[in-house]
Amino acid sequence: MGLMDTIRGWFGSAKDEGADIADKAVQQGSDLVDKAEPHVDKAKDFSEDTVDKASAKLEDLEDSGSEAVDRAMQEASDAVDTAKDAAGEAAEAVEGAVDDVKDKLGG
């Protein structure tokens, strides 16, 4: 009877520790989302601003001829590339935070 109580105690402890680890993982995941959110929001805002600015430029230059339109399209393309880079940096920050959480959880 004593052996069974000991084994039940071990499994009960393991269950409790597993629940604690799961709770910590959820909290760290929530913290990760909180940390990543400003980067994602910043990339989103930058992209929206860039599209708005590019659209406004295209409208202003519409009557200036094909050369001006081509130049504006190139600027818009460059702005989109910059927005993509910003989004990539945000994604890298999220990946780094995920790796940190994995490291803290031991794997």
PDB file of N, CA and C in Angstrom:
ATOM      1  N   MET A   1       0.823  -1.177   0.000  1.00  0.00           N
ATOM      2  CA  MET A   1       0.000   0.000   0.000  1.00  0.00           C
ATOM      3  C   MET A   1       0.877   1.254   0.000  1.00  0.00           C
ATOM      4  N   GLY A   2       1.984   1.248   0.741  1.00  0.00           N
ATOM      5  CA  GLY A   2       2.878   2.391   0.802  1.00  0.00           C
ATOM      6  C   GLY A   2       3.516   2.686  -0.549  1.00  0.00           C
ATOM      7  N   LEU A   3       3.844   1.654  -1.298  1.00  0.00           N
ATOM      8  CA  LEU A   3       4.447   1.835  -2.623  1.00  0.00           C
ATOM      9  C   LEU A   3       3.459   2.511  -3.566  1.00  0.00           C
ATOM     10  N   MET A   4       2.224   2.073  -3.542  1.00  0.00           N
ATOM     11  CA  MET A   4       1.205   2.668  -4.408  1.00  0.00           C
ATOM     12  C   MET A   4       0.986   4.135  -4.061  1.00  0.00           C
ATOM     13  N   ASP A   5       0.996   4.459  -2.792  1.00  0.00           N
ATOM     14  CA  ASP A   5       0.835   5.859  -2.380  1.00  0.00           C
ATOM     15  C   ASP A   5       2.018   6.692  -2.878  1.00  0.00           C
ATOM     16  N   THR A   6       3.218   6.129  -2.810  1.00  0.00           N
ATOM     17  CA  THR A   6       4.413   6.821  -3.294  1.00  0.00           C
ATOM     18  C   THR A   6       4.317   7.066  -4.797  1.00  0.00           C
ATOM     19  N   ILE A   7       3.921   6.038  -5.543  1.00  0.00           N
ATOM     20  CA  ILE A   7       3.788   6.181  -6.999  1.00  0.00           C
ATOM     21  C   ILE A   7       2.717   7.209  -7.336  1.00  0.00           C
ATOM     22  N   ARG A   8       1.581   7.153  -6.650  1.00  0.00           N
ATOM     23  CA  ARG A   8       0.532   8.150  -6.880  1.00  0.00           C
ATOM     24  C   ARG A   8       1.040   9.557  -6.560  1.00  0.00           C
ATOM     25  N   GLY A   9       1.829   9.672  -5.519  1.00  0.00           N
ATOM     26  CA  GLY A   9       2.412  10.966  -5.162  1.00  0.00           C
ATOM     27  C   GLY A   9       3.326  11.495  -6.253  1.00  0.00           C
ATOM     28  N   TRP A  10       4.130  10.596  -6.844  1.00  0.00           N
ATOM     29  CA  TRP A  10       5.024  11.010  -7.932  1.00  0.00           C
ATOM     30  C   TRP A  10       4.231  11.503  -9.129  1.00  0.00           C
ATOM     31  N   PHE A  11       3.229  10.715  -9.509  1.00  0.00           N
ATOM     32  CA  PHE A  11       2.435  11.108 -10.678  1.00  0.00           C
ATOM     33  C   PHE A  11       1.639  12.379 -10.397  1.00  0.00           C
ATOM     34  N   GLY A  12       1.170  12.520  -9.172  1.00  0.00           N
ATOM     35  CA  GLY A  12       0.465  13.749  -8.806  1.00  0.00           C
ATOM     36  C   GLY A  12       1.385  14.948  -8.888  1.00  0.00           C
ATOM     37  N   SER A  13       2.623  14.785  -8.421  1.00  0.00           N
ATOM     38  CA  SER A  13       3.604  15.875  -8.488  1.00  0.00           C
ATOM     39  C   SER A  13       3.928  16.206  -9.934  1.00  0.00           C
ATOM     40  N   ALA A  14       4.106  15.166 -10.750  1.00  0.00           N
ATOM     41  CA  ALA A  14       4.410  15.393 -12.170  1.00  0.00           C
ATOM     42  C   ALA A  14       3.259  16.115 -12.851  1.00  0.00           C
ATOM     43  N   LYS A  15       2.050  15.729 -12.506  1.00  0.00           N
ATOM     44  CA  LYS A  15       0.867  16.380 -13.084  1.00  0.00           C
ATOM     45  C   LYS A  15       0.838  17.852 -12.675  1.00  0.00           C
ATOM     46  N   ASP A  16       1.090  18.132 -11.412  1.00  0.00           N
ATOM     47  CA  ASP A  16       1.096  19.515 -10.931  1.00  0.00           C
ATOM     48  C   ASP A  16       2.196  20.324 -11.600  1.00  0.00           C
ATOM     49  N   GLU A  17       3.382  19.732 -11.720  1.00  0.00           N
ATOM     50  CA  GLU A  17       4.492  20.428 -12.366  1.00  0.00           C
ATOM     51  C   GLU A  17       4.180  20.674 -13.837  1.00  0.00           C
ATOM     52  N   GLY A  18       3.563  19.697 -14.485  1.00  0.00           N
ATOM     53  CA  GLY A  18       3.172  19.878 -15.886  1.00  0.00           C
ATOM     54  C   GLY A  18       2.174  21.009 -16.039  1.00  0.00           C
ATOM     55  N   ALA A  19       1.229  21.093 -15.129  1.00  0.00           N
ATOM     56  CA  ALA A  19       0.246  22.176 -15.164  1.00  0.00           C
ATOM     57  C   ALA A  19       0.927  23.522 -14.938  1.00  0.00           C
ATOM     58  N   ASP A  20       1.891  23.556 -14.012  1.00  0.00           N
ATOM     59  CA  ASP A  20       2.621  24.804 -13.752  1.00  0.00           C
ATOM     60  C   ASP A  20       3.400  25.232 -14.992  1.00  0.00           C
ATOM     61  N   ILE A  21       4.051  24.285 -15.645  1.00  0.00           N
ATOM     62  CA  ILE A  21       4.823  24.594 -16.859  1.00  0.00           C
ATOM     63  C   ILE A  21       3.886  25.094 -17.950  1.00  0.00           C
ATOM     64  N   ALA A  22       2.736  24.443 -18.096  1.00  0.00           N
ATOM     65  CA  ALA A  22       1.766  24.876 -19.100  1.00  0.00           C
ATOM     66  C   ALA A  22       1.287  26.293 -18.808  1.00  0.00           C
ATOM     67  N   ASP A  23       1.009  26.597 -17.550  1.00  0.00           N
ATOM     68  CA  ASP A  23       0.586  27.943 -17.173  1.00  0.00           C
ATOM     69  C   ASP A  23       1.666  28.966 -17.500  1.00  0.00           C
ATOM     70  N   LYS A  24       2.918  28.612 -17.192  1.00  0.00           N
ATOM     71  CA  LYS A  24       4.025  29.521 -17.499  1.00  0.00           C
ATOM     72  C   LYS A  24       4.168  29.716 -18.998  1.00  0.00           C
ATOM     73  N   ALA A  25       3.992  28.650 -19.762  1.00  0.00           N
ATOM     74  CA  ALA A  25       4.093  28.752 -21.217  1.00  0.00           C
ATOM     75  C   ALA A  25       3.003  29.662 -21.771  1.00  0.00           C
ATOM     76  N   VAL A  26       1.803  29.534 -21.249  1.00  0.00           N
ATOM     77  CA  VAL A  26       0.708  30.399 -21.683  1.00  0.00           C
ATOM     78  C   VAL A  26       1.026  31.853 -21.346  1.00  0.00           C
ATOM     79  N   GLN A  27       1.531  32.094 -20.147  1.00  0.00           N
ATOM     80  CA  GLN A  27       1.872  33.458 -19.740  1.00  0.00           C
ATOM     81  C   GLN A  27       2.983  34.023 -20.623  1.00  0.00           C
ATOM     82  N   GLN A  28       4.006  33.205 -20.878  1.00  0.00           N
ATOM     83  CA  GLN A  28       5.108  33.682 -21.715  1.00  0.00           C
ATOM     84  C   GLN A  28       4.630  33.904 -23.150  1.00  0.00           C
ATOM     85  N   GLY A  29       3.726  33.051 -23.617  1.00  0.00           N
ATOM     86  CA  GLY A  29       3.156  33.266 -24.945  1.00  0.00           C
ATOM     87  C   GLY A  29       2.383  34.572 -24.998  1.00  0.00           C
ATOM     88  N   SER A  30       1.635  34.847 -23.952  1.00  0.00           N
ATOM     89  CA  SER A  30       0.895  36.102 -23.875  1.00  0.00           C
ATOM     90  C   SER A  30       1.854  37.291 -23.834  1.00  0.00           C
ATOM     91  N   ASP A  31       2.926  37.146 -23.058  1.00  0.00           N
ATOM     92  CA  ASP A  31       3.941  38.204 -22.999  1.00  0.00           C
ATOM     93  C   ASP A  31       4.571  38.413 -24.371  1.00  0.00           C
ATOM     94  N   LEU A  32       4.807  37.324 -25.080  1.00  0.00           N
ATOM     95  CA  LEU A  32       5.395  37.393 -26.420  1.00  0.00           C
ATOM     96  C   LEU A  32       4.478  38.168 -27.353  1.00  0.00           C
ATOM     97  N   VAL A  33       3.201  37.870 -27.302  1.00  0.00           N
ATOM     98  CA  VAL A  33       2.239  38.588 -28.141  1.00  0.00           C
ATOM     99  C   VAL A  33       2.263  40.069 -27.793  1.00  0.00           C
ATOM    100  N   ASP A  34       2.300  40.383 -26.504  1.00  0.00           N
ATOM    101  CA  ASP A  34       2.334  41.779 -26.078  1.00  0.00           C
ATOM    102  C   ASP A  34       3.592  42.483 -26.584  1.00  0.00           C
ATOM    103  N   LYS A  35       4.722  41.766 -26.548  1.00  0.00           N
ATOM    104  CA  LYS A  35       5.980  42.369 -27.008  1.00  0.00           C
ATOM    105  C   LYS A  35       5.999  42.532 -28.525  1.00  0.00           C
ATOM    106  N   ALA A  36       5.420  41.594 -29.241  1.00  0.00           N
ATOM    107  CA  ALA A  36       5.448  41.637 -30.707  1.00  0.00           C
ATOM    108  C   ALA A  36       4.430  42.621 -31.270  1.00  0.00           C
ATOM    109  N   GLU A  37       3.355  42.841 -30.539  1.00  0.00           N
ATOM    110  CA  GLU A  37       2.256  43.663 -31.048  1.00  0.00           C
ATOM    111  C   GLU A  37       2.695  45.059 -31.497  1.00  0.00           C
ATOM    112  N   PRO A  38       3.518  45.776 -30.738  1.00  0.00           N
ATOM    113  CA  PRO A  38       3.931  47.105 -31.212  1.00  0.00           C
ATOM    114  C   PRO A  38       4.712  47.043 -32.532  1.00  0.00           C
ATOM    115  N   HIS A  39       5.524  45.994 -32.709  1.00  0.00           N
ATOM    116  CA  HIS A  39       6.289  45.867 -33.948  1.00  0.00           C
ATOM    117  C   HIS A  39       5.355  45.599 -35.122  1.00  0.00           C
ATOM    118  N   VAL A  40       4.398  44.735 -34.906  1.00  0.00           N
ATOM    119  CA  VAL A  40       3.443  44.417 -35.958  1.00  0.00           C
ATOM    120  C   VAL A  40       2.591  45.639 -36.273  1.00  0.00           C
ATOM    121  N   ASP A  41       2.132  46.331 -35.242  1.00  0.00           N
ATOM    122  CA  ASP A  41       1.335  47.540 -35.451  1.00  0.00           C
ATOM    123  C   ASP A  41       2.141  48.601 -36.188  1.00  0.00           C
ATOM    124  N   LYS A  42       3.402  48.735 -35.814  1.00  0.00           N
ATOM    125  CA  LYS A  42       4.260  49.728 -36.464  1.00  0.00           C
ATOM    126  C   LYS A  42       4.429  49.391 -37.948  1.00  0.00           C
ATOM    127  N   ALA A  43       4.666  48.125 -38.255  1.00  0.00           N
ATOM    128  CA  ALA A  43       4.813  47.710 -39.651  1.00  0.00           C
ATOM    129  C   ALA A  43       3.514  47.926 -40.414  1.00  0.00           C
ATOM    130  N   LYS A  44       2.396  47.612 -39.791  1.00  0.00           N
ATOM    131  CA  LYS A  44       1.093  47.802 -40.426  1.00  0.00           C
ATOM    132  C   LYS A  44       0.837  49.277 -40.691  1.00  0.00           C
ATOM    133  N   ASP A  45       1.068  50.122 -39.683  1.00  0.00           N
ATOM    134  CA  ASP A  45       0.862  51.559 -39.845  1.00  0.00           C
ATOM    135  C   ASP A  45       1.770  52.125 -40.931  1.00  0.00           C
ATOM    136  N   PHE A  46       3.028  51.689 -40.927  1.00  0.00           N
ATOM    137  CA  PHE A  46       3.973  52.164 -41.936  1.00  0.00           C
ATOM    138  C   PHE A  46       3.498  51.763 -43.325  1.00  0.00           C
ATOM    139  N   SER A  47       3.040  50.530 -43.470  1.00  0.00           N
ATOM    140  CA  SER A  47       2.562  50.056 -44.769  1.00  0.00           C
ATOM    141  C   SER A  47       1.358  50.864 -45.235  1.00  0.00           C
ATOM    142  N   GLU A  48       0.419  51.094 -44.323  1.00  0.00           N
ATOM    143  CA  GLU A  48      -0.769  51.864 -44.684  1.00  0.00           C
ATOM    144  C   GLU A  48      -0.398  53.287 -45.071  1.00  0.00           C
ATOM    145  N   ASP A  49       0.482  53.912 -44.307  1.00  0.00           N
ATOM    146  CA  ASP A  49       0.921  55.266 -44.625  1.00  0.00           C
ATOM    147  C   ASP A  49       1.621  55.305 -45.980  1.00  0.00           C
ATOM    148  N   THR A  50       2.435  54.303 -46.229  1.00  0.00           N
ATOM    149  CA  THR A  50       3.172  54.243 -47.487  1.00  0.00           C
ATOM    150  C   THR A  50       2.215  54.114 -48.666  1.00  0.00           C
ATOM    151  N   VAL A  51       1.242  53.247 -48.527  1.00  0.00           N
ATOM    152  CA  VAL A  51       0.256  53.072 -49.604  1.00  0.00           C
ATOM    153  C   VAL A  51      -0.521  54.370 -49.807  1.00  0.00           C
ATOM    154  N   ASP A  52      -0.923  55.020 -48.712  1.00  0.00           N
ATOM    155  CA  ASP A  52      -1.644  56.286 -48.831  1.00  0.00           C
ATOM    156  C   ASP A  52      -0.798  57.340 -49.538  1.00  0.00           C
ATOM    157  N   LYS A  53       0.461  57.449 -49.136  1.00  0.00           N
ATOM    158  CA  LYS A  53       1.350  58.443 -49.754  1.00  0.00           C
ATOM    159  C   LYS A  53       1.581  58.125 -51.224  1.00  0.00           C
ATOM    160  N   ALA A  54       1.794  56.853 -51.525  1.00  0.00           N
ATOM    161  CA  ALA A  54       2.024  56.457 -52.916  1.00  0.00           C
ATOM    162  C   ALA A  54       0.778  56.726 -53.757  1.00  0.00           C
ATOM    163  N   SER A  55      -0.384  56.432 -53.206  1.00  0.00           N
ATOM    164  CA  SER A  55      -1.633  56.678 -53.933  1.00  0.00           C
ATOM    165  C   SER A  55      -1.818  58.170 -54.198  1.00  0.00           C
ATOM    166  N   ALA A  56      -1.538  58.977 -53.187  1.00  0.00           N
ATOM    167  CA  ALA A  56      -1.667  60.425 -53.355  1.00  0.00           C
ATOM    168  C   ALA A  56      -0.703  60.941 -54.412  1.00  0.00           C
ATOM    169  N   LYS A  57       0.522  60.421 -54.400  1.00  0.00           N
ATOM    170  CA  LYS A  57       1.499  60.847 -55.398  1.00  0.00           C
ATOM    171  C   LYS A  57       1.048  60.445 -56.797  1.00  0.00           C
ATOM    172  N   LEU A  58       0.545  59.241 -56.927  1.00  0.00           N
ATOM    173  CA  LEU A  58       0.092  58.788 -58.240  1.00  0.00           C
ATOM    174  C   LEU A  58      -1.054  59.654 -58.758  1.00  0.00           C
ATOM    175  N   GLU A  59      -1.975  60.019 -57.882  1.00  0.00           N
ATOM    176  CA  GLU A  59      -3.078  60.881 -58.291  1.00  0.00           C
ATOM    177  C   GLU A  59      -2.565  62.246 -58.730  1.00  0.00           C
ATOM    178  N   ASP A  60      -1.614  62.808 -57.990  1.00  0.00           N
ATOM    179  CA  ASP A  60      -1.068  64.125 -58.321  1.00  0.00           C
ATOM    180  C   ASP A  60      -0.315  64.110 -59.647  1.00  0.00           C
ATOM    181  N   LEU A  61       0.336  62.993 -59.930  1.00  0.00           N
ATOM    182  CA  LEU A  61       1.189  62.923 -61.124  1.00  0.00           C
ATOM    183  C   LEU A  61       0.488  62.332 -62.342  1.00  0.00           C
ATOM    184  N   GLU A  62      -0.758  61.972 -62.181  1.00  0.00           N
ATOM    185  CA  GLU A  62      -1.479  61.284 -63.247  1.00  0.00           C
ATOM    186  C   GLU A  62      -1.462  62.072 -64.552  1.00  0.00           C
ATOM    187  N   ASP A  63      -1.595  63.401 -64.485  1.00  0.00           N
ATOM    188  CA  ASP A  63      -1.656  64.238 -65.685  1.00  0.00           C
ATOM    189  C   ASP A  63      -0.284  64.679 -66.171  1.00  0.00           C
ATOM    190  N   SER A  64       0.776  64.298 -65.480  1.00  0.00           N
ATOM    191  CA  SER A  64       2.117  64.778 -65.827  1.00  0.00           C
ATOM    192  C   SER A  64       2.788  63.952 -66.911  1.00  0.00           C
ATOM    193  N   GLY A  65       2.201  62.892 -67.358  1.00  0.00           N
ATOM    194  CA  GLY A  65       2.782  62.092 -68.418  1.00  0.00           C
ATOM    195  C   GLY A  65       3.352  60.785 -67.891  1.00  0.00           C
ATOM    196  N   SER A  66       3.685  59.943 -68.830  1.00  0.00           N
ATOM    197  CA  SER A  66       4.123  58.592 -68.472  1.00  0.00           C
ATOM    198  C   SER A  66       5.447  58.586 -67.715  1.00  0.00           C
ATOM    199  N   GLU A  67       6.329  59.526 -67.995  1.00  0.00           N
ATOM    200  CA  GLU A  67       7.614  59.554 -67.281  1.00  0.00           C
ATOM    201  C   GLU A  67       7.408  59.797 -65.788  1.00  0.00           C
ATOM    202  N   ALA A  68       6.554  60.728 -65.458  1.00  0.00           N
ATOM    203  CA  ALA A  68       6.280  61.027 -64.048  1.00  0.00           C
ATOM    204  C   ALA A  68       5.583  59.846 -63.380  1.00  0.00           C
ATOM    205  N   VAL A  69       4.675  59.194 -64.094  1.00  0.00           N
ATOM    206  CA  VAL A  69       3.966  58.041 -63.537  1.00  0.00           C
ATOM    207  C   VAL A  69       4.947  56.896 -63.295  1.00  0.00           C
ATOM    208  N   ASP A  70       5.848  56.667 -64.253  1.00  0.00           N
ATOM    209  CA  ASP A  70       6.849  55.611 -64.067  1.00  0.00           C
ATOM    210  C   ASP A  70       7.707  55.878 -62.840  1.00  0.00           C
ATOM    211  N   ARG A  71       8.093  57.137 -62.658  1.00  0.00           N
ATOM    212  CA  ARG A  71       8.915  57.500 -61.501  1.00  0.00           C
ATOM    213  C   ARG A  71       8.126  57.273 -60.192  1.00  0.00           C
ATOM    214  N   ALA A  72       6.875  57.650 -60.183  1.00  0.00           N
ATOM    215  CA  ALA A  72       6.050  57.454 -58.981  1.00  0.00           C
ATOM    216  C   ALA A  72       5.857  55.971 -58.697  1.00  0.00           C
ATOM    217  N   MET A  73       5.696  55.175 -59.735  1.00  0.00           N
ATOM    218  CA  MET A  73       5.535  53.734 -59.537  1.00  0.00           C
ATOM    219  C   MET A  73       6.800  53.137 -58.937  1.00  0.00           C
ATOM    220  N   GLN A  74       7.953  53.623 -59.370  1.00  0.00           N
ATOM    221  CA  GLN A  74       9.208  53.133 -58.801  1.00  0.00           C
ATOM    222  C   GLN A  74       9.310  53.508 -57.322  1.00  0.00           C
ATOM    223  N   GLU A  75       8.900  54.735 -56.998  1.00  0.00           N
ATOM    224  CA  GLU A  75       8.919  55.161 -55.599  1.00  0.00           C
ATOM    225  C   GLU A  75       7.954  54.316 -54.770  1.00  0.00           C
ATOM    226  N   ALA A  76       6.798  54.026 -55.333  1.00  0.00           N
ATOM    227  CA  ALA A  76       5.835  53.184 -54.615  1.00  0.00           C
ATOM    228  C   ALA A  76       6.406  51.789 -54.403  1.00  0.00           C
ATOM    229  N   SER A  77       7.069  51.265 -55.417  1.00  0.00           N
ATOM    230  CA  SER A  77       7.688  49.947 -55.302  1.00  0.00           C
ATOM    231  C   SER A  77       8.756  49.947 -54.217  1.00  0.00           C
ATOM    232  N   ASP A  78       9.561  51.006 -54.183  1.00  0.00           N
ATOM    233  CA  ASP A  78      10.579  51.124 -53.137  1.00  0.00           C
ATOM    234  C   ASP A  78       9.935  51.210 -51.751  1.00  0.00           C
ATOM    235  N   ALA A  79       8.840  51.958 -51.663  1.00  0.00           N
ATOM    236  CA  ALA A  79       8.147  52.087 -50.382  1.00  0.00           C
ATOM    237  C   ALA A  79       7.569  50.749 -49.941  1.00  0.00           C
ATOM    238  N   VAL A  80       7.033  49.988 -50.883  1.00  0.00           N
ATOM    239  CA  VAL A  80       6.494  48.662 -50.549  1.00  0.00           C
ATOM    240  C   VAL A  80       7.630  47.758 -50.079  1.00  0.00           C
ATOM    241  N   ASP A  81       8.777  47.822 -50.750  1.00  0.00           N
ATOM    242  CA  ASP A  81       9.933  47.025 -50.311  1.00  0.00           C
ATOM    243  C   ASP A  81      10.334  47.404 -48.886  1.00  0.00           C
ATOM    244  N   THR A  82      10.318  48.691 -48.595  1.00  0.00           N
ATOM    245  CA  THR A  82      10.654  49.146 -47.242  1.00  0.00           C
ATOM    246  C   THR A  82       9.639  48.623 -46.234  1.00  0.00           C
ATOM    247  N   ALA A  83       8.360  48.645 -46.608  1.00  0.00           N
ATOM    248  CA  ALA A  83       7.306  48.126 -45.721  1.00  0.00           C
ATOM    249  C   ALA A  83       7.484  46.628 -45.501  1.00  0.00           C
ATOM    250  N   LYS A  84       7.846  45.909 -46.556  1.00  0.00           N
ATOM    251  CA  LYS A  84       8.082  44.469 -46.423  1.00  0.00           C
ATOM    252  C   LYS A  84       9.260  44.212 -45.487  1.00  0.00           C
ATOM    253  N   ASP A  85      10.307  45.029 -45.608  1.00  0.00           N
ATOM    254  CA  ASP A  85      11.457  44.882 -44.717  1.00  0.00           C
ATOM    255  C   ASP A  85      11.048  45.115 -43.263  1.00  0.00           C
ATOM    256  N   ALA A  86      10.221  46.134 -43.040  1.00  0.00           N
ATOM    257  CA  ALA A  86       9.768  46.421 -41.679  1.00  0.00           C
ATOM    258  C   ALA A  86       8.941  45.258 -41.134  1.00  0.00           C
ATOM    259  N   ALA A  87       8.091  44.692 -41.979  1.00  0.00           N
ATOM    260  CA  ALA A  87       7.289  43.542 -41.544  1.00  0.00           C
ATOM    261  C   ALA A  87       8.200  42.350 -41.261  1.00  0.00           C
ATOM    262  N   GLY A  88       9.243  42.178 -42.079  1.00  0.00           N
ATOM    263  CA  GLY A  88      10.192  41.092 -41.848  1.00  0.00           C
ATOM    264  C   GLY A  88      10.927  41.261 -40.533  1.00  0.00           C
ATOM    265  N   GLU A  89      11.295  42.505 -40.214  1.00  0.00           N
ATOM    266  CA  GLU A  89      11.963  42.771 -38.942  1.00  0.00           C
ATOM    267  C   GLU A  89      11.040  42.453 -37.774  1.00  0.00           C
ATOM    268  N   ALA A  90       9.762  42.784 -37.923  1.00  0.00           N
ATOM    269  CA  ALA A  90       8.792  42.463 -36.866  1.00  0.00           C
ATOM    270  C   ALA A  90       8.676  40.954 -36.712  1.00  0.00           C
ATOM    271  N   ALA A  91       8.649  40.240 -37.848  1.00  0.00           N
ATOM    272  CA  ALA A  91       8.561  38.779 -37.793  1.00  0.00           C
ATOM    273  C   ALA A  91       9.807  38.195 -37.127  1.00  0.00           C
ATOM    274  N   GLU A  92      10.970  38.756 -37.439  1.00  0.00           N
ATOM    275  CA  GLU A  92      12.203  38.278 -36.814  1.00  0.00           C
ATOM    276  C   GLU A  92      12.174  38.514 -35.305  1.00  0.00           C
ATOM    277  N   ALA A  93      11.622  39.662 -34.896  1.00  0.00           N
ATOM    278  CA  ALA A  93      11.514  39.948 -33.462  1.00  0.00           C
ATOM    279  C   ALA A  93      10.607  38.927 -32.783  1.00  0.00           C
ATOM    280  N   VAL A  94       9.521  38.578 -33.455  1.00  0.00           N
ATOM    281  CA  VAL A  94       8.604  37.575 -32.904  1.00  0.00           C
ATOM    282  C   VAL A  94       9.303  36.224 -32.826  1.00  0.00           C
ATOM    283  N   GLU A  95      10.017  35.846 -33.892  1.00  0.00           N
ATOM    284  CA  GLU A  95      10.739  34.569 -33.882  1.00  0.00           C
ATOM    285  C   GLU A  95      11.767  34.537 -32.757  1.00  0.00           C
ATOM    286  N   GLY A  96      12.469  35.638 -32.570  1.00  0.00           N
ATOM    287  CA  GLY A  96      13.455  35.699 -31.488  1.00  0.00           C
ATOM    288  C   GLY A  96      12.800  35.547 -30.127  1.00  0.00           C
ATOM    289  N   ALA A  97      11.671  36.177 -29.954  1.00  0.00           N
ATOM    290  CA  ALA A  97      10.959  36.061 -28.687  1.00  0.00           C
ATOM    291  C   ALA A  97      10.461  34.631 -28.483  1.00  0.00           C
ATOM    292  N   VAL A  98      10.003  33.993 -29.555  1.00  0.00           N
ATOM    293  CA  VAL A  98       9.556  32.600 -29.457  1.00  0.00           C
ATOM    294  C   VAL A  98      10.733  31.709 -29.064  1.00  0.00           C
ATOM    295  N   ASP A  99      11.880  31.942 -29.688  1.00  0.00           N
ATOM    296  CA  ASP A  99      13.067  31.161 -29.339  1.00  0.00           C
ATOM    297  C   ASP A  99      13.443  31.367 -27.879  1.00  0.00           C
ATOM    298  N   ASP A 100      13.306  32.606 -27.389  1.00  0.00           N
ATOM    299  CA  ASP A 100      13.595  32.881 -25.980  1.00  0.00           C
ATOM    300  C   ASP A 100      12.660  32.090 -25.077  1.00  0.00           C
ATOM    301  N   VAL A 101      11.390  32.040 -25.436  1.00  0.00           N
ATOM    302  CA  VAL A 101      10.415  31.292 -24.647  1.00  0.00           C
ATOM    303  C   VAL A 101      10.762  29.818 -24.669  1.00  0.00           C
ATOM    304  N   LYS A 102      11.121  29.299 -25.850  1.00  0.00           N
ATOM    305  CA  LYS A 102      11.510  27.892 -25.956  1.00  0.00           C
ATOM    306  C   LYS A 102      12.730  27.612 -25.079  1.00  0.00           C
ATOM    307  N   ASP A 103      13.698  28.499 -25.127  1.00  0.00           N
ATOM    308  CA  ASP A 103      14.910  28.313 -24.311  1.00  0.00           C
ATOM    309  C   ASP A 103      14.554  28.299 -22.818  1.00  0.00           C
ATOM    310  N   LYS A 104      13.659  29.193 -22.415  1.00  0.00           N
ATOM    311  CA  LYS A 104      13.264  29.259 -21.007  1.00  0.00           C
ATOM    312  C   LYS A 104      12.529  28.000 -20.576  1.00  0.00           C
ATOM    313  N   LEU A 105      11.814  27.400 -21.530  1.00  0.00           N
ATOM    314  CA  LEU A 105      11.065  26.184 -21.208  1.00  0.00           C
ATOM    315  C   LEU A 105      11.905  24.925 -21.405  1.00  0.00           C
ATOM    316  N   GLY A 106      13.123  25.114 -21.824  1.00  0.00           N
ATOM    317  CA  GLY A 106      14.032  23.971 -21.945  1.00  0.00           C
ATOM    318  C   GLY A 106      13.880  23.218 -23.245  1.00  0.00           C
ATOM    319  N   GLY A 107      13.521  23.901 -24.308  1.00  0.00           N
ATOM    320  CA  GLY A 107      13.519  23.137 -25.541  1.00  0.00           C
ATOM    321  C   GLY A 107      12.469  23.528 -26.476  1.00  0.00           C
TER     322      GLY A 107
END
